[in-house]
Amino acid sequence: MDNSKTLNHNIAIIGWSILFIWWGIAIMVNPITIGMSAVGTGLILLGVNAFRWWKGIPIKDSTTVVGIVALVWGALDHTFAMSFGLSFATLLIVIGVVALASLLVRPKTVSGGESSN
């Protein structure tokens, strides 16, 4: 493995380790809500990608999307103190909105073989 692959691998291991520690704390400490747990998860995932970017390693689109979903869902859940059912419904809506938004921000490509007249 070259240096950037090794660094990327180590970043991933550190990120997963921090997530498992965070989830353990969130389960053990009673006042931490689902919303706060999701916000923490989103911040960890986005932080890992920010560190990748800072080190010149390509960021992972999947963890960016999951981080944004977790952050938005957690903020909404924590702000409105939702029941589990409403929180899950909000998660589904956030996933749908983020999926649609990803289509809007994706660069448009021209498919080969078609001419525009």
N, C-alpha and C. Protein backbone atom coordinates (compact mmCIF):
# COMPACT_ATOMS: atom_id res chain seq x y z
N MET A 1 0.84 -1.18 0.00
CA MET A 1 0.00 0.00 0.00
C MET A 1 0.88 1.24 0.00
N ASP A 2 0.45 2.22 -0.80
CA ASP A 2 1.21 3.46 -0.76
C ASP A 2 0.72 4.31 0.41
N ASN A 3 1.40 5.43 0.62
CA ASN A 3 1.16 6.26 1.79
C ASN A 3 -0.28 6.78 1.87
N SER A 4 -0.86 7.25 0.74
CA SER A 4 -2.21 7.81 0.80
C SER A 4 -3.25 6.72 1.06
N LYS A 5 -3.04 5.51 0.54
CA LYS A 5 -3.97 4.42 0.82
C LYS A 5 -3.89 4.01 2.29
N THR A 6 -2.69 3.98 2.82
CA THR A 6 -2.53 3.65 4.24
C THR A 6 -3.18 4.71 5.11
N LEU A 7 -2.97 5.98 4.78
CA LEU A 7 -3.58 7.07 5.55
C LEU A 7 -5.10 7.00 5.46
N ASN A 8 -5.63 6.77 4.26
CA ASN A 8 -7.08 6.66 4.09
C ASN A 8 -7.63 5.50 4.91
N HIS A 9 -6.93 4.38 4.91
CA HIS A 9 -7.34 3.22 5.70
C HIS A 9 -7.34 3.56 7.19
N ASN A 10 -6.29 4.22 7.66
CA ASN A 10 -6.21 4.61 9.07
C ASN A 10 -7.30 5.60 9.45
N ILE A 11 -7.61 6.53 8.55
CA ILE A 11 -8.69 7.49 8.80
C ILE A 11 -10.02 6.76 8.95
N ALA A 12 -10.26 5.78 8.07
CA ALA A 12 -11.50 5.01 8.14
C ALA A 12 -11.60 4.25 9.46
N ILE A 13 -10.51 3.63 9.89
CA ILE A 13 -10.51 2.89 11.16
C ILE A 13 -10.76 3.84 12.33
N ILE A 14 -10.13 5.00 12.31
CA ILE A 14 -10.33 5.99 13.38
C ILE A 14 -11.80 6.45 13.38
N GLY A 15 -12.34 6.73 12.19
CA GLY A 15 -13.74 7.15 12.11
C GLY A 15 -14.70 6.12 12.66
N TRP A 16 -14.52 4.84 12.26
CA TRP A 16 -15.38 3.78 12.79
C TRP A 16 -15.21 3.63 14.29
N SER A 17 -13.99 3.73 14.77
CA SER A 17 -13.74 3.62 16.22
C SER A 17 -14.47 4.71 16.98
N ILE A 18 -14.39 5.94 16.48
CA ILE A 18 -15.07 7.05 17.14
C ILE A 18 -16.58 6.85 17.10
N LEU A 19 -17.10 6.35 15.96
CA LEU A 19 -18.54 6.08 15.87
C LEU A 19 -18.98 5.04 16.90
N PHE A 20 -18.24 3.93 17.01
CA PHE A 20 -18.62 2.91 17.98
C PHE A 20 -18.56 3.43 19.41
N ILE A 21 -17.55 4.21 19.72
CA ILE A 21 -17.46 4.81 21.05
C ILE A 21 -18.65 5.75 21.28
N TRP A 22 -18.97 6.59 20.29
CA TRP A 22 -20.09 7.52 20.41
C TRP A 22 -21.40 6.77 20.61
N TRP A 23 -21.63 5.72 19.80
CA TRP A 23 -22.87 4.96 19.93
C TRP A 23 -22.96 4.27 21.28
N GLY A 24 -21.84 3.77 21.80
CA GLY A 24 -21.84 3.17 23.14
C GLY A 24 -22.20 4.18 24.21
N ILE A 25 -21.61 5.37 24.11
CA ILE A 25 -21.93 6.43 25.07
C ILE A 25 -23.41 6.82 24.94
N ALA A 26 -23.89 6.93 23.71
CA ALA A 26 -25.29 7.32 23.50
C ALA A 26 -26.26 6.30 24.09
N ILE A 27 -25.91 5.03 24.05
CA ILE A 27 -26.77 4.00 24.63
C ILE A 27 -26.68 4.01 26.16
N MET A 28 -25.49 4.22 26.69
CA MET A 28 -25.29 4.17 28.15
C MET A 28 -25.83 5.39 28.88
N VAL A 29 -25.74 6.56 28.27
CA VAL A 29 -26.12 7.79 28.96
C VAL A 29 -27.57 8.10 28.61
N ASN A 30 -28.43 8.06 29.60
CA ASN A 30 -29.86 8.18 29.39
C ASN A 30 -30.32 9.50 28.76
N PRO A 31 -29.81 10.67 29.13
CA PRO A 31 -30.37 11.89 28.53
C PRO A 31 -30.01 12.10 27.06
N ILE A 32 -29.10 11.29 26.49
CA ILE A 32 -28.76 11.47 25.08
C ILE A 32 -29.88 10.87 24.24
N THR A 33 -30.53 11.71 23.46
CA THR A 33 -31.67 11.29 22.65
C THR A 33 -31.21 10.71 21.31
N ILE A 34 -32.17 10.15 20.58
CA ILE A 34 -31.88 9.66 19.23
C ILE A 34 -31.38 10.82 18.37
N GLY A 35 -31.99 11.97 18.52
CA GLY A 35 -31.59 13.14 17.75
C GLY A 35 -30.15 13.55 18.02
N MET A 36 -29.79 13.59 19.30
CA MET A 36 -28.41 13.96 19.64
C MET A 36 -27.42 12.90 19.14
N SER A 37 -27.82 11.63 19.20
CA SER A 37 -26.97 10.55 18.69
C SER A 37 -26.76 10.70 17.19
N ALA A 38 -27.83 11.03 16.47
CA ALA A 38 -27.73 11.20 15.02
C ALA A 38 -26.87 12.41 14.67
N VAL A 39 -27.03 13.50 15.40
CA VAL A 39 -26.21 14.70 15.16
C VAL A 39 -24.74 14.35 15.36
N GLY A 40 -24.42 13.65 16.43
CA GLY A 40 -23.04 13.24 16.69
C GLY A 40 -22.51 12.36 15.58
N THR A 41 -23.32 11.43 15.11
CA THR A 41 -22.92 10.55 14.01
C THR A 41 -22.65 11.35 12.75
N GLY A 42 -23.53 12.29 12.43
CA GLY A 42 -23.34 13.13 11.25
C GLY A 42 -22.08 13.96 11.34
N LEU A 43 -21.82 14.52 12.51
CA LEU A 43 -20.61 15.33 12.69
C LEU A 43 -19.35 14.48 12.57
N ILE A 44 -19.38 13.26 13.09
CA ILE A 44 -18.22 12.38 12.97
C ILE A 44 -17.97 12.03 11.50
N LEU A 45 -19.01 11.65 10.77
CA LEU A 45 -18.84 11.28 9.37
C LEU A 45 -18.35 12.45 8.52
N LEU A 46 -18.94 13.61 8.74
CA LEU A 46 -18.49 14.79 7.99
C LEU A 46 -17.09 15.21 8.42
N GLY A 47 -16.77 15.03 9.70
CA GLY A 47 -15.43 15.34 10.19
C GLY A 47 -14.37 14.44 9.57
N VAL A 48 -14.69 13.17 9.42
CA VAL A 48 -13.75 12.24 8.77
C VAL A 48 -13.49 12.68 7.33
N ASN A 49 -14.55 13.06 6.62
CA ASN A 49 -14.36 13.52 5.24
C ASN A 49 -13.63 14.86 5.18
N ALA A 50 -13.86 15.72 6.14
CA ALA A 50 -13.13 16.99 6.17
C ALA A 50 -11.64 16.72 6.38
N PHE A 51 -11.33 15.75 7.23
CA PHE A 51 -9.93 15.40 7.46
C PHE A 51 -9.32 14.80 6.19
N ARG A 52 -10.08 13.95 5.50
CA ARG A 52 -9.60 13.40 4.22
C ARG A 52 -9.29 14.54 3.24
N TRP A 53 -10.21 15.47 3.13
CA TRP A 53 -10.04 16.60 2.21
C TRP A 53 -8.79 17.40 2.59
N TRP A 54 -8.62 17.66 3.89
CA TRP A 54 -7.48 18.42 4.38
C TRP A 54 -6.17 17.73 4.04
N LYS A 55 -6.16 16.40 4.07
CA LYS A 55 -4.95 15.63 3.77
C LYS A 55 -4.79 15.34 2.28
N GLY A 56 -5.71 15.86 1.45
CA GLY A 56 -5.60 15.68 0.01
C GLY A 56 -6.07 14.33 -0.48
N ILE A 57 -6.87 13.65 0.31
CA ILE A 57 -7.42 12.34 -0.06
C ILE A 57 -8.85 12.57 -0.52
N PRO A 58 -9.28 11.94 -1.62
CA PRO A 58 -10.67 12.13 -2.07
C PRO A 58 -11.67 11.73 -0.99
N ILE A 59 -12.69 12.55 -0.83
CA ILE A 59 -13.72 12.26 0.16
C ILE A 59 -14.65 11.17 -0.37
N LYS A 60 -15.33 10.52 0.53
CA LYS A 60 -16.28 9.46 0.17
C LYS A 60 -17.68 10.08 0.07
N ASP A 61 -18.28 9.97 -1.10
CA ASP A 61 -19.62 10.53 -1.29
C ASP A 61 -20.63 9.87 -0.36
N SER A 62 -20.50 8.55 -0.16
CA SER A 62 -21.48 7.85 0.66
C SER A 62 -21.48 8.35 2.10
N THR A 63 -20.30 8.56 2.69
CA THR A 63 -20.28 9.03 4.07
C THR A 63 -20.67 10.49 4.17
N THR A 64 -20.46 11.24 3.10
CA THR A 64 -20.93 12.63 3.10
C THR A 64 -22.45 12.67 3.13
N VAL A 65 -23.08 11.86 2.27
CA VAL A 65 -24.54 11.83 2.21
C VAL A 65 -25.12 11.32 3.52
N VAL A 66 -24.58 10.23 4.04
CA VAL A 66 -25.08 9.69 5.31
C VAL A 66 -24.85 10.69 6.44
N GLY A 67 -23.73 11.38 6.43
CA GLY A 67 -23.45 12.40 7.44
C GLY A 67 -24.45 13.54 7.39
N ILE A 68 -24.78 14.00 6.18
CA ILE A 68 -25.76 15.08 6.03
C ILE A 68 -27.14 14.61 6.49
N VAL A 69 -27.52 13.40 6.08
CA VAL A 69 -28.82 12.84 6.50
C VAL A 69 -28.89 12.75 8.02
N ALA A 70 -27.86 12.21 8.64
CA ALA A 70 -27.85 12.05 10.09
C ALA A 70 -27.90 13.41 10.79
N LEU A 71 -27.17 14.36 10.28
CA LEU A 71 -27.13 15.69 10.89
C LEU A 71 -28.50 16.38 10.81
N VAL A 72 -29.11 16.37 9.63
CA VAL A 72 -30.42 17.02 9.46
C VAL A 72 -31.49 16.30 10.26
N TRP A 73 -31.52 14.97 10.14
CA TRP A 73 -32.52 14.19 10.87
C TRP A 73 -32.36 14.39 12.37
N GLY A 74 -31.13 14.31 12.86
CA GLY A 74 -30.89 14.47 14.29
C GLY A 74 -31.28 15.84 14.79
N ALA A 75 -30.97 16.87 14.00
CA ALA A 75 -31.32 18.23 14.41
C ALA A 75 -32.84 18.40 14.48
N LEU A 76 -33.55 17.86 13.49
CA LEU A 76 -35.02 17.95 13.51
C LEU A 76 -35.60 17.15 14.67
N ASP A 77 -35.08 15.93 14.88
CA ASP A 77 -35.57 15.08 15.96
C ASP A 77 -35.34 15.72 17.31
N HIS A 78 -34.14 16.25 17.52
CA HIS A 78 -33.83 16.86 18.81
C HIS A 78 -34.60 18.16 19.04
N THR A 79 -34.73 18.95 17.99
CA THR A 79 -35.42 20.24 18.12
C THR A 79 -36.89 20.06 18.47
N PHE A 80 -37.54 19.08 17.81
CA PHE A 80 -38.97 18.91 17.99
C PHE A 80 -39.34 17.78 18.95
N ALA A 81 -38.35 17.14 19.59
CA ALA A 81 -38.58 16.06 20.57
C ALA A 81 -39.64 15.08 20.06
N MET A 82 -39.36 14.46 18.95
CA MET A 82 -40.33 13.60 18.27
C MET A 82 -40.46 12.23 18.93
N SER A 83 -41.64 11.63 18.74
CA SER A 83 -41.83 10.24 19.13
C SER A 83 -41.04 9.37 18.16
N PHE A 84 -40.86 8.10 18.49
CA PHE A 84 -40.08 7.22 17.63
C PHE A 84 -40.69 7.12 16.23
N GLY A 85 -42.00 6.96 16.15
CA GLY A 85 -42.66 6.84 14.84
C GLY A 85 -42.50 8.08 13.99
N LEU A 86 -42.70 9.24 14.59
CA LEU A 86 -42.53 10.50 13.86
C LEU A 86 -41.07 10.72 13.49
N SER A 87 -40.16 10.32 14.36
CA SER A 87 -38.73 10.45 14.08
C SER A 87 -38.35 9.58 12.88
N PHE A 88 -38.87 8.35 12.83
CA PHE A 88 -38.57 7.46 11.70
C PHE A 88 -39.15 8.02 10.41
N ALA A 89 -40.37 8.55 10.46
CA ALA A 89 -40.98 9.16 9.28
C ALA A 89 -40.15 10.35 8.81
N THR A 90 -39.65 11.14 9.74
CA THR A 90 -38.80 12.28 9.40
C THR A 90 -37.51 11.80 8.74
N LEU A 91 -36.94 10.71 9.24
CA LEU A 91 -35.74 10.14 8.62
C LEU A 91 -36.00 9.79 7.16
N LEU A 92 -37.13 9.15 6.88
CA LEU A 92 -37.46 8.78 5.50
C LEU A 92 -37.60 10.02 4.62
N ILE A 93 -38.23 11.06 5.13
CA ILE A 93 -38.39 12.30 4.36
C ILE A 93 -37.02 12.93 4.10
N VAL A 94 -36.17 12.98 5.11
CA VAL A 94 -34.83 13.57 4.94
C VAL A 94 -34.04 12.79 3.90
N ILE A 95 -34.11 11.46 3.94
CA ILE A 95 -33.41 10.65 2.94
C ILE A 95 -33.91 10.98 1.55
N GLY A 96 -35.22 11.10 1.39
CA GLY A 96 -35.79 11.44 0.08
C GLY A 96 -35.35 12.81 -0.40
N VAL A 97 -35.36 13.79 0.47
CA VAL A 97 -34.96 15.15 0.09
C VAL A 97 -33.48 15.19 -0.28
N VAL A 98 -32.64 14.52 0.50
CA VAL A 98 -31.20 14.51 0.20
C VAL A 98 -30.94 13.78 -1.12
N ALA A 99 -31.66 12.69 -1.38
CA ALA A 99 -31.49 11.97 -2.64
C ALA A 99 -31.86 12.85 -3.83
N LEU A 100 -32.98 13.57 -3.71
CA LEU A 100 -33.38 14.48 -4.79
C LEU A 100 -32.38 15.63 -4.95
N ALA A 101 -31.93 16.16 -3.83
CA ALA A 101 -30.97 17.27 -3.90
C ALA A 101 -29.66 16.82 -4.54
N SER A 102 -29.27 15.57 -4.31
CA SER A 102 -28.03 15.09 -4.92
C SER A 102 -28.13 15.05 -6.43
N LEU A 103 -29.32 14.83 -6.96
CA LEU A 103 -29.50 14.89 -8.41
C LEU A 103 -29.37 16.31 -8.94
N LEU A 104 -29.84 17.26 -8.16
CA LEU A 104 -29.81 18.65 -8.60
C LEU A 104 -28.40 19.23 -8.58
N VAL A 105 -27.56 18.78 -7.66
CA VAL A 105 -26.21 19.34 -7.57
C VAL A 105 -25.17 18.55 -8.36
N ARG A 106 -25.57 17.39 -8.87
CA ARG A 106 -24.65 16.57 -9.67
C ARG A 106 -24.39 17.26 -11.00
N PRO A 107 -23.13 17.29 -11.45
CA PRO A 107 -22.83 17.92 -12.74
C PRO A 107 -23.56 17.18 -13.87
N LYS A 108 -24.07 17.98 -14.78
CA LYS A 108 -24.78 17.40 -15.92
C LYS A 108 -23.77 16.85 -16.92
N THR A 109 -24.03 15.66 -17.43
CA THR A 109 -23.15 15.07 -18.44
C THR A 109 -23.92 14.93 -19.74
N VAL A 110 -23.21 15.03 -20.83
CA VAL A 110 -23.81 14.86 -22.14
C VAL A 110 -23.59 13.42 -22.55
N SER A 111 -24.70 12.73 -22.87
CA SER A 111 -24.57 11.33 -23.27
C SER A 111 -24.07 11.24 -24.70
N GLY A 112 -23.26 10.26 -24.97
CA GLY A 112 -22.65 10.12 -26.29
C GLY A 112 -23.67 9.68 -27.33
N GLY A 113 -23.46 10.10 -28.58
CA GLY A 113 -24.29 9.66 -29.69
C GLY A 113 -25.50 10.51 -29.96
N GLU A 114 -25.87 11.39 -29.06
CA GLU A 114 -27.04 12.23 -29.31
C GLU A 114 -26.59 13.59 -29.79
N SER A 115 -27.31 14.10 -30.73
CA SER A 115 -27.01 15.46 -31.20
C SER A 115 -28.12 16.38 -30.78
N SER A 116 -27.78 17.59 -30.49
CA SER A 116 -28.79 18.56 -30.09
C SER A 116 -29.01 19.54 -31.25
N ASN A 117 -30.22 19.53 -31.77
CA ASN A 117 -30.58 20.41 -32.89
C ASN A 117 -31.60 21.42 -32.47
